[in-house]
C-alpha atoms as a PDB file:
ATOM      1  CA  MET A   1      64.590 197.228 119.822  1.00  0.00           C
ATOM      2  CA  ASP A   2      61.366 199.275 118.811  1.00  0.00           C
ATOM      3  CA  ARG A   3      60.225 198.465 115.016  1.00  0.00           C
ATOM      4  CA  LEU A   4      61.624 201.627 113.445  1.00  0.00           C
ATOM      5  CA  ALA A   5      65.208 200.418 114.368  1.00  0.00           C
ATOM      6  CA  LEU A   6      64.423 196.797 113.602  1.00  0.00           C
ATOM      7  CA  MET A   7      63.778 198.049 110.099  1.00  0.00           C
ATOM      8  CA  LYS A   8      67.545 199.703 110.169  1.00  0.00           C
ATOM      9  CA  LEU A   9      68.942 196.711 111.402  1.00  0.00           C
ATOM     10  CA  PHE A  10      67.372 194.554 108.627  1.00  0.00           C
ATOM     11  CA  VAL A  11      67.928 197.483 106.043  1.00  0.00           C
ATOM     12  CA  ASP A  12      71.741 197.547 107.217  1.00  0.00           C
ATOM     13  CA  ILE A  13      71.916 193.669 107.110  1.00  0.00           C
ATOM     14  CA  CYS A  14      70.740 193.987 103.149  1.00  0.00           C
ATOM     15  CA  GLU A  15      73.228 196.131 102.907  1.00  0.00           C
ATOM     16  CA  ARG A  16      76.256 194.711 104.244  1.00  0.00           C
ATOM     17  CA  GLY A  17      74.975 191.033 103.330  1.00  0.00           C
ATOM     18  CA  SER A  18      76.278 189.643 106.171  1.00  0.00           C
ATOM     19  CA  MET A  19      74.929 190.070 110.073  1.00  0.00           C
ATOM     20  CA  ALA A  20      78.686 189.588 110.864  1.00  0.00           C
ATOM     21  CA  ALA A  21      79.577 192.856 109.418  1.00  0.00           C
ATOM     22  CA  VAL A  22      76.523 194.469 110.864  1.00  0.00           C
ATOM     23  CA  ALA A  23      77.170 193.549 114.579  1.00  0.00           C
ATOM     24  CA  ARG A  24      80.884 194.831 114.039  1.00  0.00           C
ATOM     25  CA  GLN A  25      79.682 198.062 112.373  1.00  0.00           C
ATOM     26  CA  ARG A  26      77.435 198.588 115.280  1.00  0.00           C
ATOM     27  CA  GLY A  27      79.807 197.216 118.350  1.00  0.00           C
ATOM     28  CA  GLN A  28      77.549 194.575 119.145  1.00  0.00           C
ATOM     29  CA  SER A  29      77.645 190.520 119.571  1.00  0.00           C
ATOM     30  CA  PRO A  30      76.715 188.131 116.532  1.00  0.00           C
ATOM     31  CA  SER A  31      74.272 186.654 119.019  1.00  0.00           C
ATOM     32  CA  LEU A  32      72.543 189.923 119.697  1.00  0.00           C
ATOM     33  CA  VAL A  33      71.961 190.823 116.047  1.00  0.00           C
ATOM     34  CA  THR A  34      70.754 187.129 115.508  1.00  0.00           C
ATOM     35  CA  GLN A  35      68.415 187.446 117.994  1.00  0.00           C
ATOM     36  CA  ALA A  36      67.210 191.047 117.130  1.00  0.00           C
ATOM     37  CA  LEU A  37      66.509 189.543 113.204  1.00  0.00           C
ATOM     38  CA  GLN A  38      64.658 186.839 114.569  1.00  0.00           C
ATOM     39  CA  LYS A  39      62.181 189.092 116.686  1.00  0.00           C
ATOM     40  CA  LEU A  40      61.433 190.924 113.755  1.00  0.00           C
ATOM     41  CA  GLU A  41      60.616 187.924 111.451  1.00  0.00           C
ATOM     42  CA  GLN A  42      58.150 187.152 114.560  1.00  0.00           C
ATOM     43  CA  GLN A  43      56.660 190.600 113.944  1.00  0.00           C
ATOM     44  CA  VAL A  44      56.185 190.285 110.126  1.00  0.00           C
ATOM     45  CA  GLY A  45      55.425 186.515 110.111  1.00  0.00           C
ATOM     46  CA  ALA A  46      57.911 185.623 107.563  1.00  0.00           C
ATOM     47  CA  LYS A  47      61.475 184.166 106.869  1.00  0.00           C
ATOM     48  CA  LEU A  48      62.970 187.350 105.576  1.00  0.00           C
ATOM     49  CA  ILE A  49      66.577 185.970 105.217  1.00  0.00           C
ATOM     50  CA  VAL A  50      67.843 182.599 104.470  1.00  0.00           C
ATOM     51  CA  ARG A  51      71.660 181.719 105.658  1.00  0.00           C
ATOM     52  CA  THR A  52      73.822 178.491 104.387  1.00  0.00           C
ATOM     53  CA  THR A  53      77.285 177.962 105.866  1.00  0.00           C
ATOM     54  CA  ARG A  54      78.677 180.571 102.987  1.00  0.00           C
ATOM     55  CA  ALA A  55      76.334 182.900 102.304  1.00  0.00           C
ATOM     56  CA  MET A  56      73.208 184.631 102.786  1.00  0.00           C
ATOM     57  CA  HIS A  57      70.003 185.973 100.772  1.00  0.00           C
ATOM     58  CA  LEU A  58      67.085 187.422 100.701  1.00  0.00           C
ATOM     59  CA  THR A  59      63.323 185.505 100.342  1.00  0.00           C
ATOM     60  CA  ALA A  60      60.754 186.736  98.484  1.00  0.00           C
ATOM     61  CA  GLU A  61      58.870 187.872 101.029  1.00  0.00           C
ATOM     62  CA  GLY A  62      62.847 189.457 102.399  1.00  0.00           C
ATOM     63  CA  GLU A  63      63.214 191.208  99.178  1.00  0.00           C
ATOM     64  CA  GLN A  64      59.814 193.227  99.468  1.00  0.00           C
ATOM     65  CA  PHE A  65      60.314 194.025 103.450  1.00  0.00           C
ATOM     66  CA  ARG A  66      63.867 195.511 102.235  1.00  0.00           C
ATOM     67  CA  ASP A  67      62.062 198.059  99.590  1.00  0.00           C
ATOM     68  CA  ASP A  68      59.317 198.926 101.977  1.00  0.00           C
ATOM     69  CA  SER A  69      61.656 199.205 104.722  1.00  0.00           C
ATOM     70  CA  GLU A  70      63.797 201.373 102.827  1.00  0.00           C
ATOM     71  CA  ARG A  71      60.618 203.655 101.500  1.00  0.00           C
ATOM     72  CA  ILE A  72      59.686 203.632 104.875  1.00  0.00           C
ATOM     73  CA  LEU A  73      62.699 204.755 106.900  1.00  0.00           C
ATOM     74  CA  ALA A  74      63.596 207.908 103.821  1.00  0.00           C
ATOM     75  CA  GLU A  75      60.132 209.046 104.927  1.00  0.00           C
ATOM     76  CA  TYR A  76      61.024 208.804 108.455  1.00  0.00           C
ATOM     77  CA  ASP A  77      64.225 210.821 107.766  1.00  0.00           C
ATOM     78  CA  LYS A  78      62.613 213.044 105.984  1.00  0.00           C
ATOM     79  CA  ALA A  79      59.898 213.858 108.499  1.00  0.00           C
ATOM     80  CA  LEU A  80      62.511 214.770 110.487  1.00  0.00           C
ATOM     81  CA  GLU A  81      64.396 216.957 108.487  1.00  0.00           C
ATOM     82  CA  ARG A  82      61.328 219.176 107.881  1.00  0.00           C
ATOM     83  CA  ILE A  83      60.546 219.484 111.381  1.00  0.00           C
ATOM     84  CA  SER A  84      64.228 220.273 112.518  1.00  0.00           C
ATOM     85  CA  GLY A  85      66.032 221.311 109.135  1.00  0.00           C
ATOM     86  CA  THR A  86      68.715 222.689 111.135  1.00  0.00           C
ATOM     87  CA  GLY A  87      69.880 220.521 113.507  1.00  0.00           C
ATOM     88  CA  SER A  88      73.327 218.513 112.813  1.00  0.00           C
ATOM     89  CA  LEU A  89      73.702 215.795 109.641  1.00  0.00           C
ATOM     90  CA  SER A  90      74.756 212.022 110.407  1.00  0.00           C
ATOM     91  CA  GLY A  91      74.551 209.188 108.901  1.00  0.00           C
ATOM     92  CA  THR A  92      76.570 207.212 105.849  1.00  0.00           C
ATOM     93  CA  ILE A  93      76.672 208.535 102.119  1.00  0.00           C
ATOM     94  CA  ARG A  94      77.455 205.424 100.076  1.00  0.00           C
ATOM     95  CA  LEU A  95      79.034 206.980  97.231  1.00  0.00           C
ATOM     96  CA  THR A  96      81.363 206.462  93.897  1.00  0.00           C
ATOM     97  CA  ALA A  97      83.627 208.167  91.695  1.00  0.00           C
ATOM     98  CA  THR A  98      85.792 207.852  88.790  1.00  0.00           C
ATOM     99  CA  ASN A  99      89.245 206.781  89.968  1.00  0.00           C
ATOM    100  CA  ASP A 100      90.801 210.134  88.971  1.00  0.00           C
ATOM    101  CA  PHE A 101      88.745 212.240  90.678  1.00  0.00           C
ATOM    102  CA  GLY A 102      88.540 210.306  93.307  1.00  0.00           C
ATOM    103  CA  ARG A 103      92.064 209.723  94.509  1.00  0.00           C
ATOM    104  CA  THR A 104      93.500 213.474  93.259  1.00  0.00           C
ATOM    105  CA  ARG A 105      90.286 215.944  94.397  1.00  0.00           C
ATOM    106  CA  LEU A 106      87.434 213.957  96.461  1.00  0.00           C
ATOM    107  CA  PRO A 107      89.244 212.741  99.603  1.00  0.00           C
ATOM    108  CA  ARG A 108      90.286 216.358 100.283  1.00  0.00           C
ATOM    109  CA  LEU A 109      86.411 217.445  99.979  1.00  0.00           C
ATOM    110  CA  ILE A 110      85.392 214.785 102.053  1.00  0.00           C
ATOM    111  CA  ASP A 111      87.813 215.458 104.591  1.00  0.00           C
ATOM    112  CA  GLN A 112      86.626 219.338 104.461  1.00  0.00           C
ATOM    113  CA  PHE A 113      82.865 218.073 104.708  1.00  0.00           C
ATOM    114  CA  LEU A 114      84.006 216.375 107.883  1.00  0.00           C
ATOM    115  CA  ILE A 115      85.122 219.158 109.149  1.00  0.00           C
ATOM    116  CA  GLN A 116      81.637 220.815 109.004  1.00  0.00           C
ATOM    117  CA  HIS A 117      80.010 217.850 109.348  1.00  0.00           C
ATOM    118  CA  PRO A 118      81.418 215.046 111.905  1.00  0.00           C
ATOM    119  CA  GLU A 119      78.832 213.164 112.322  1.00  0.00           C
ATOM    120  CA  VAL A 120      78.282 211.579 108.593  1.00  0.00           C
ATOM    121  CA  LYS A 121      80.188 208.707 107.344  1.00  0.00           C
ATOM    122  CA  PHE A 122      81.752 208.080 104.033  1.00  0.00           C
ATOM    123  CA  GLU A 123      81.878 204.453 101.908  1.00  0.00           C
ATOM    124  CA  LEU A 124      83.541 205.413  98.752  1.00  0.00           C
ATOM    125  CA  VAL A 125      83.765 202.772  95.768  1.00  0.00           C
ATOM    126  CA  LEU A 126      86.153 204.039  93.022  1.00  0.00           C
ATOM    127  CA  SER A 127      85.520 202.949  89.655  1.00  0.00           C
ATOM    128  CA  ASP A 128      85.461 204.116  85.997  1.00  0.00           C
ATOM    129  CA  GLY A 129      83.234 201.545  84.863  1.00  0.00           C
ATOM    130  CA  VAL A 130      79.413 201.913  84.474  1.00  0.00           C
ATOM    131  CA  LEU A 131      77.912 201.152  88.114  1.00  0.00           C
ATOM    132  CA  ASP A 132      74.480 200.083  88.653  1.00  0.00           C
ATOM    133  CA  LEU A 133      73.628 202.669  91.409  1.00  0.00           C
ATOM    134  CA  VAL A 134      69.986 200.761  92.691  1.00  0.00           C
ATOM    135  CA  ASP A 135      71.650 197.598  92.249  1.00  0.00           C
ATOM    136  CA  GLU A 136      75.041 198.146  94.486  1.00  0.00           C
ATOM    137  CA  ARG A 137      72.963 200.252  96.804  1.00  0.00           C
ATOM    138  CA  PHE A 138      74.716 203.752  95.804  1.00  0.00           C
ATOM    139  CA  ASP A 139      73.375 206.978  97.442  1.00  0.00           C
ATOM    140  CA  LEU A 140      75.437 208.930  94.846  1.00  0.00           C
ATOM    141  CA  ALA A 141      78.042 208.777  91.738  1.00  0.00           C
ATOM    142  CA  ILE A 142      80.293 211.469  90.166  1.00  0.00           C
ATOM    143  CA  ARG A 143      80.795 211.312  86.709  1.00  0.00           C
ATOM    144  CA  HIS A 144      81.757 212.970  83.798  1.00  0.00           C
ATOM    145  CA  GLY A 145      78.521 213.723  81.283  1.00  0.00           C
ATOM    146  CA  PRO A 146      76.222 213.780  79.641  1.00  0.00           C
ATOM    147  CA  MET A 147      74.092 212.140  81.459  1.00  0.00           C
ATOM    148  CA  ALA A 148      71.524 209.936  78.987  1.00  0.00           C
ATOM    149  CA  ASP A 149      70.471 207.645  81.239  1.00  0.00           C
ATOM    150  CA  PRO A 150      66.791 208.730  82.149  1.00  0.00           C
ATOM    151  CA  SER A 151      66.292 207.079  84.909  1.00  0.00           C
ATOM    152  CA  LEU A 152      69.396 208.663  86.861  1.00  0.00           C
ATOM    153  CA  THR A 153      68.227 212.383  88.642  1.00  0.00           C
ATOM    154  CA  SER A 154      71.763 214.647  87.705  1.00  0.00           C
ATOM    155  CA  ARG A 155      73.304 218.031  89.569  1.00  0.00           C
ATOM    156  CA  ARG A 156      75.651 219.740  87.536  1.00  0.00           C
ATOM    157  CA  LEU A 157      78.876 220.350  89.777  1.00  0.00           C
ATOM    158  CA  VAL A 158      80.783 222.223  87.507  1.00  0.00           C
ATOM    159  CA  SER A 159      80.945 222.919  83.803  1.00  0.00           C
ATOM    160  CA  THR A 160      85.054 222.272  82.831  1.00  0.00           C
ATOM    161  CA  HIS A 161      87.377 220.538  79.659  1.00  0.00           C
ATOM    162  CA  ARG A 162      89.329 218.494  78.466  1.00  0.00           C
ATOM    163  CA  VAL A 163      93.040 219.421  77.998  1.00  0.00           C
ATOM    164  CA  VAL A 164      95.943 217.070  76.023  1.00  0.00           C
ATOM    165  CA  CYS A 165      98.549 217.262  78.424  1.00  0.00           C
ATOM    166  CA  ALA A 166     102.259 215.433  78.733  1.00  0.00           C
ATOM    167  CA  ALA A 167     105.206 215.601  81.096  1.00  0.00           C
ATOM    168  CA  PRO A 168     107.378 218.438  80.030  1.00  0.00           C
ATOM    169  CA  ALA A 169     109.872 216.124  79.262  1.00  0.00           C
ATOM    170  CA  TYR A 170     108.077 214.059  76.706  1.00  0.00           C
ATOM    171  CA  TRP A 171     107.077 216.829  74.806  1.00  0.00           C
ATOM    172  CA  GLN A 172     110.400 218.352  74.741  1.00  0.00           C
ATOM    173  CA  ASP A 173     111.718 214.761  73.430  1.00  0.00           C
ATOM    174  CA  ALA A 174     108.977 214.220  71.147  1.00  0.00           C
ATOM    175  CA  GLY A 175     107.951 217.699  70.254  1.00  0.00           C
ATOM    176  CA  ARG A 176     104.610 219.639  70.632  1.00  0.00           C
ATOM    177  CA  PRO A 177     101.687 219.160  68.361  1.00  0.00           C
ATOM    178  CA  GLN A 178     100.453 222.234  66.530  1.00  0.00           C
ATOM    179  CA  HIS A 179      97.516 220.652  65.268  1.00  0.00           C
ATOM    180  CA  PRO A 180      95.262 217.891  66.864  1.00  0.00           C
ATOM    181  CA  SER A 181      95.928 216.029  63.482  1.00  0.00           C
ATOM    182  CA  GLU A 182      99.497 215.619  64.486  1.00  0.00           C
ATOM    183  CA  LEU A 183      98.398 213.775  67.539  1.00  0.00           C
ATOM    184  CA  SER A 184      98.525 210.702  64.901  1.00  0.00           C
ATOM    185  CA  SER A 185     102.218 210.471  65.466  1.00  0.00           C
ATOM    186  CA  HIS A 186     102.401 210.316  69.412  1.00  0.00           C
ATOM    187  CA  GLN A 187     102.035 207.715  72.347  1.00  0.00           C
ATOM    188  CA  CYS A 188      98.414 208.937  72.836  1.00  0.00           C
ATOM    189  CA  MET A 189      97.199 206.617  76.092  1.00  0.00           C
ATOM    190  CA  VAL A 190      93.226 205.427  75.649  1.00  0.00           C
ATOM    191  CA  LEU A 191      90.755 204.821  78.531  1.00  0.00           C
ATOM    192  CA  ALA A 192      89.736 201.385  77.789  1.00  0.00           C
ATOM    193  CA  ARG A 193      85.557 201.012  78.221  1.00  0.00           C
ATOM    194  CA  PRO A 194      84.165 197.865  77.502  1.00  0.00           C
ATOM    195  CA  GLY A 195      83.287 197.672  73.865  1.00  0.00           C
ATOM    196  CA  ALA A 196      84.187 201.125  73.391  1.00  0.00           C
ATOM    197  CA  PRO A 197      87.715 202.370  74.133  1.00  0.00           C
ATOM    198  CA  GLN A 198      87.904 206.006  74.026  1.00  0.00           C
ATOM    199  CA  ASN A 199      90.321 206.712  71.328  1.00  0.00           C
ATOM    200  CA  HIS A 200      88.326 209.436  69.826  1.00  0.00           C
ATOM    201  CA  TRP A 201      89.388 212.722  70.885  1.00  0.00           C
ATOM    202  CA  GLU A 202      87.399 215.914  70.003  1.00  0.00           C
ATOM    203  CA  PHE A 203      88.630 219.113  69.439  1.00  0.00           C
ATOM    204  CA  GLN A 204      86.887 222.501  67.693  1.00  0.00           C
ATOM    205  CA  GLU A 205      87.984 225.106  65.100  1.00  0.00           C
ATOM    206  CA  ALA A 206      86.578 227.568  63.528  1.00  0.00           C
ATOM    207  CA  GLY A 207      82.978 226.593  64.951  1.00  0.00           C
ATOM    208  CA  GLN A 208      82.897 222.835  63.955  1.00  0.00           C
ATOM    209  CA  VAL A 209      83.422 220.272  65.971  1.00  0.00           C
ATOM    210  CA  PHE A 210      85.945 217.302  64.939  1.00  0.00           C
ATOM    211  CA  SER A 211      87.809 214.238  65.800  1.00  0.00           C
ATOM    212  CA  VAL A 212      91.117 212.483  65.876  1.00  0.00           C
ATOM    213  CA  THR A 213      91.303 209.415  66.079  1.00  0.00           C
ATOM    214  CA  VAL A 214      94.783 208.119  68.420  1.00  0.00           C
ATOM    215  CA  ALA A 215      96.851 205.682  68.891  1.00  0.00           C
ATOM    216  CA  GLY A 216      99.304 204.327  71.477  1.00  0.00           C
ATOM    217  CA  ASN A 217     101.243 201.535  72.913  1.00  0.00           C
ATOM    218  CA  ARG A 218      99.130 201.956  76.473  1.00  0.00           C
ATOM    219  CA  MET A 219      95.898 201.442  77.579  1.00  0.00           C
ATOM    220  CA  ALA A 220      93.873 201.194  80.403  1.00  0.00           C
ATOM    221  CA  SER A 221      90.606 200.838  82.484  1.00  0.00           C
ATOM    222  CA  ASP A 222      91.641 203.019  85.039  1.00  0.00           C
ATOM    223  CA  GLY A 223      92.165 206.591  84.743  1.00  0.00           C
ATOM    224  CA  GLY A 224      94.326 206.815  87.687  1.00  0.00           C
ATOM    225  CA  ALA A 225      96.861 204.437  85.718  1.00  0.00           C
ATOM    226  CA  LEU A 226      96.679 206.922  82.589  1.00  0.00           C
ATOM    227  CA  ARG A 227      97.884 209.994  84.438  1.00  0.00           C
ATOM    228  CA  GLU A 228     100.162 208.138  86.262  1.00  0.00           C
ATOM    229  CA  TRP A 229     102.239 207.226  83.320  1.00  0.00           C
ATOM    230  CA  ALA A 230     101.931 210.018  81.901  1.00  0.00           C
ATOM    231  CA  ILE A 231     103.367 212.060  84.878  1.00  0.00           C
ATOM    232  CA  ALA A 232     106.175 209.552  84.069  1.00  0.00           C
ATOM    233  CA  GLY A 233     106.451 210.537  80.723  1.00  0.00           C
ATOM    234  CA  ALA A 234     104.944 207.638  78.615  1.00  0.00           C
ATOM    235  CA  GLY A 235     102.760 209.700  76.521  1.00  0.00           C
ATOM    236  CA  VAL A 236      99.667 211.762  76.572  1.00  0.00           C
ATOM    237  CA  ILE A 237      96.775 212.163  77.900  1.00  0.00           C
ATOM    238  CA  PHE A 238      93.045 213.431  77.163  1.00  0.00           C
ATOM    239  CA  LYS A 239      91.780 214.620  80.733  1.00  0.00           C
ATOM    240  CA  SER A 240      89.100 216.770  82.359  1.00  0.00           C
ATOM    241  CA  MET A 241      90.943 219.834  83.463  1.00  0.00           C
ATOM    242  CA  VAL A 242      88.976 218.849  87.113  1.00  0.00           C
ATOM    243  CA  ASP A 243      91.591 215.645  87.011  1.00  0.00           C
ATOM    244  CA  VAL A 244      94.773 217.215  86.529  1.00  0.00           C
ATOM    245  CA  ALA A 245      94.335 220.652  87.454  1.00  0.00           C
ATOM    246  CA  GLU A 246      96.885 220.437  90.470  1.00  0.00           C
ATOM    247  CA  ASP A 247      99.548 217.957  88.137  1.00  0.00           C
ATOM    248  CA  ILE A 248      99.724 221.183  85.325  1.00  0.00           C
ATOM    249  CA  GLU A 249     100.258 223.988  88.611  1.00  0.00           C
ATOM    250  CA  VAL A 250     102.878 222.219  90.101  1.00  0.00           C
ATOM    251  CA  GLY A 251     104.663 221.472  86.865  1.00  0.00           C
ATOM    252  CA  ARG A 252     103.762 217.569  86.351  1.00  0.00           C
ATOM    253  CA  LEU A 253     101.935 217.708  82.904  1.00  0.00           C
ATOM    254  CA  GLU A 254     101.968 220.410  80.435  1.00  0.00           C
ATOM    255  CA  VAL A 255      99.419 221.281  78.143  1.00  0.00           C
ATOM    256  CA  VAL A 256      99.117 221.386  74.413  1.00  0.00           C
ATOM    257  CA  LEU A 257      96.607 222.694  71.707  1.00  0.00           C
ATOM    258  CA  ASN A 258      94.254 224.902  74.335  1.00  0.00           C
ATOM    259  CA  ASP A 259      93.487 226.836  71.139  1.00  0.00           C
ATOM    260  CA  TYR A 260      91.137 224.124  69.426  1.00  0.00           C
ATOM    261  CA  ARG A 261      88.627 224.969  72.056  1.00  0.00           C
ATOM    262  CA  ILE A 262      87.824 221.306  73.310  1.00  0.00           C
ATOM    263  CA  PRO A 263      84.540 221.484  73.959  1.00  0.00           C
ATOM    264  CA  GLU A 264      83.066 221.307  77.420  1.00  0.00           C
ATOM    265  CA  VAL A 265      82.446 218.157  79.496  1.00  0.00           C
ATOM    266  CA  ASN A 266      80.085 218.514  82.371  1.00  0.00           C
ATOM    267  CA  LEU A 267      81.008 216.926  86.170  1.00  0.00           C
ATOM    268  CA  TYR A 268      77.805 215.552  87.557  1.00  0.00           C
ATOM    269  CA  ALA A 269      76.095 214.118  90.757  1.00  0.00           C
ATOM    270  CA  VAL A 270      74.016 211.672  89.922  1.00  0.00           C
ATOM    271  CA  PHE A 271      71.337 209.546  91.948  1.00  0.00           C
ATOM    272  CA  PRO A 272      68.184 206.993  90.926  1.00  0.00           C
ATOM    273  CA  GLU A 273      65.191 208.971  89.893  1.00  0.00           C
ATOM    274  CA  GLY A 274      62.457 209.151  92.377  1.00  0.00           C
ATOM    275  CA  ARG A 275      65.181 208.449  95.193  1.00  0.00           C
ATOM    276  CA  TYR A 276      64.656 210.717  98.071  1.00  0.00           C
ATOM    277  CA  ALA A 277      68.181 212.719  98.987  1.00  0.00           C
ATOM    278  CA  SER A 278      68.761 213.262 102.363  1.00  0.00           C
ATOM    279  CA  ARG A 279      69.563 216.299 103.386  1.00  0.00           C
ATOM    280  CA  ARG A 280      73.122 215.203 104.124  1.00  0.00           C
ATOM    281  CA  ILE A 281      73.250 214.129 100.703  1.00  0.00           C
ATOM    282  CA  SER A 282      71.804 217.106  99.462  1.00  0.00           C
ATOM    283  CA  THR A 283      74.132 219.295 101.329  1.00  0.00           C
ATOM    284  CA  PHE A 284      77.037 217.520 100.119  1.00  0.00           C
ATOM    285  CA  ILE A 285      76.005 217.724  96.544  1.00  0.00           C
ATOM    286  CA  GLU A 286      76.071 221.322  97.202  1.00  0.00           C
ATOM    287  CA  PHE A 287      79.190 221.676  99.078  1.00  0.00           C
ATOM    288  CA  LEU A 288      80.650 219.951  95.694  1.00  0.00           C
ATOM    289  CA  HIS A 289      79.162 222.404  93.541  1.00  0.00           C
ATOM    290  CA  ASP A 290      80.256 225.182  95.656  1.00  0.00           C
ATOM    291  CA  LYS A 291      84.383 224.338  96.282  1.00  0.00           C
ATOM    292  CA  LEU A 292      84.149 223.105  92.805  1.00  0.00           C
ATOM    293  CA  GLY A 293      82.561 226.080  91.300  1.00  0.00           C
ATOM    294  CA  SER A 294      85.128 228.319  92.816  1.00  0.00           C
ATOM    295  CA  GLU A 295      87.875 226.239  91.774  1.00  0.00           C
ATOM    296  CA  ARG A 296      86.979 226.458  87.830  1.00  0.00           C
ATOM    297  CA  GLU A 297      88.284 230.074  86.757  1.00  0.00           C
ATOM    298  CA  ALA A 298      91.782 229.037  88.178  1.00  0.00           C
ATOM    299  CA  SER A 299      91.991 226.194  86.478  1.00  0.00           C
ATOM    300  CA  HIS A 300      91.382 227.832  83.211  1.00  0.00           C
ATOM    301  CA  CYS A 301      94.033 230.140  83.947  1.00  0.00           C
ATOM    302  CA  GLN A 302      96.594 227.417  84.549  1.00  0.00           C
ATOM    303  CA  SER A 303      95.570 225.924  81.745  1.00  0.00           C
ATOM    304  CA  ARG A 304      95.846 228.845  79.525  1.00  0.00           C
ATOM    305  CA  ALA A 305      98.982 229.400  81.274  1.00  0.00           C
ATOM    306  CA  SER A 306     100.938 226.270  80.584  1.00  0.00           C
ATOM    307  CA  SER A 307      99.741 226.361  77.107  1.00  0.00           C
ATOM    308  CA  SER A 308     101.635 229.991  76.608  1.00  0.00           C
ATOM    309  CA  ARG A 309     104.623 228.652  77.557  1.00  0.00           C
ATOM    310  CA  ALA A 310     104.237 225.862  75.076  1.00  0.00           C
END
């Protein structure tokens, strides 16, 4: 292996936390990966990784060399892309997204992207919690705004809005609220965040934004679980239209209170500030922006139609 190849191997080992995992990914024997690492350590003149029977960890020199290697490899990719910017995309995108969007919308979008760019690979991690994009080595995160962290760079993918919705059978049994204040008498299901459950739902009336405190017998840290409960008729949810547009379109969920102009909420692509976004990542971000933007009007129309039937 040349020096760049050894450097890339070392970064892969750091990202996967196991030489055996890298060997499987590359279709090589573990001994070959071990020999390549030893060759790199001889060139560097320092021990980079310490292994025990249970785990491996980087030495101080290893941590420094990993950071330098990532920077050098990113600059190398950037230089290649400047020269051959029209070539095919390749490489891995390590991506995290919210549970709902990651289950209902994102898989199909990734499939469509891979049809156009078959040499790209995805690693998708779903979470509604707060993740450290740098420490967990994510290239990109898909999150609802606003984005308040100054250490992150964001690109707005689409402006959408939240809707109050439940299964038609739930509304038939419990009655449809005519004003947000009436939600206090309904089973409202809340997304649980550590120390900050999202039980204050915002609305707008006569140009003034106000919030309603809701409660119910179900709370979950997974937005997908709340959506499934709502579809099953267990209660009311407050969701981004991006997450429930298909459920509303086919009649699994029905929107109410749409006349109260629930404030818009943006969906963002987020990555660490200062990190070079490779052409495959920037192309994927633009792809998401174009696809989601083209679907926005249809979602608005469907929400209005559902509300008018209520």
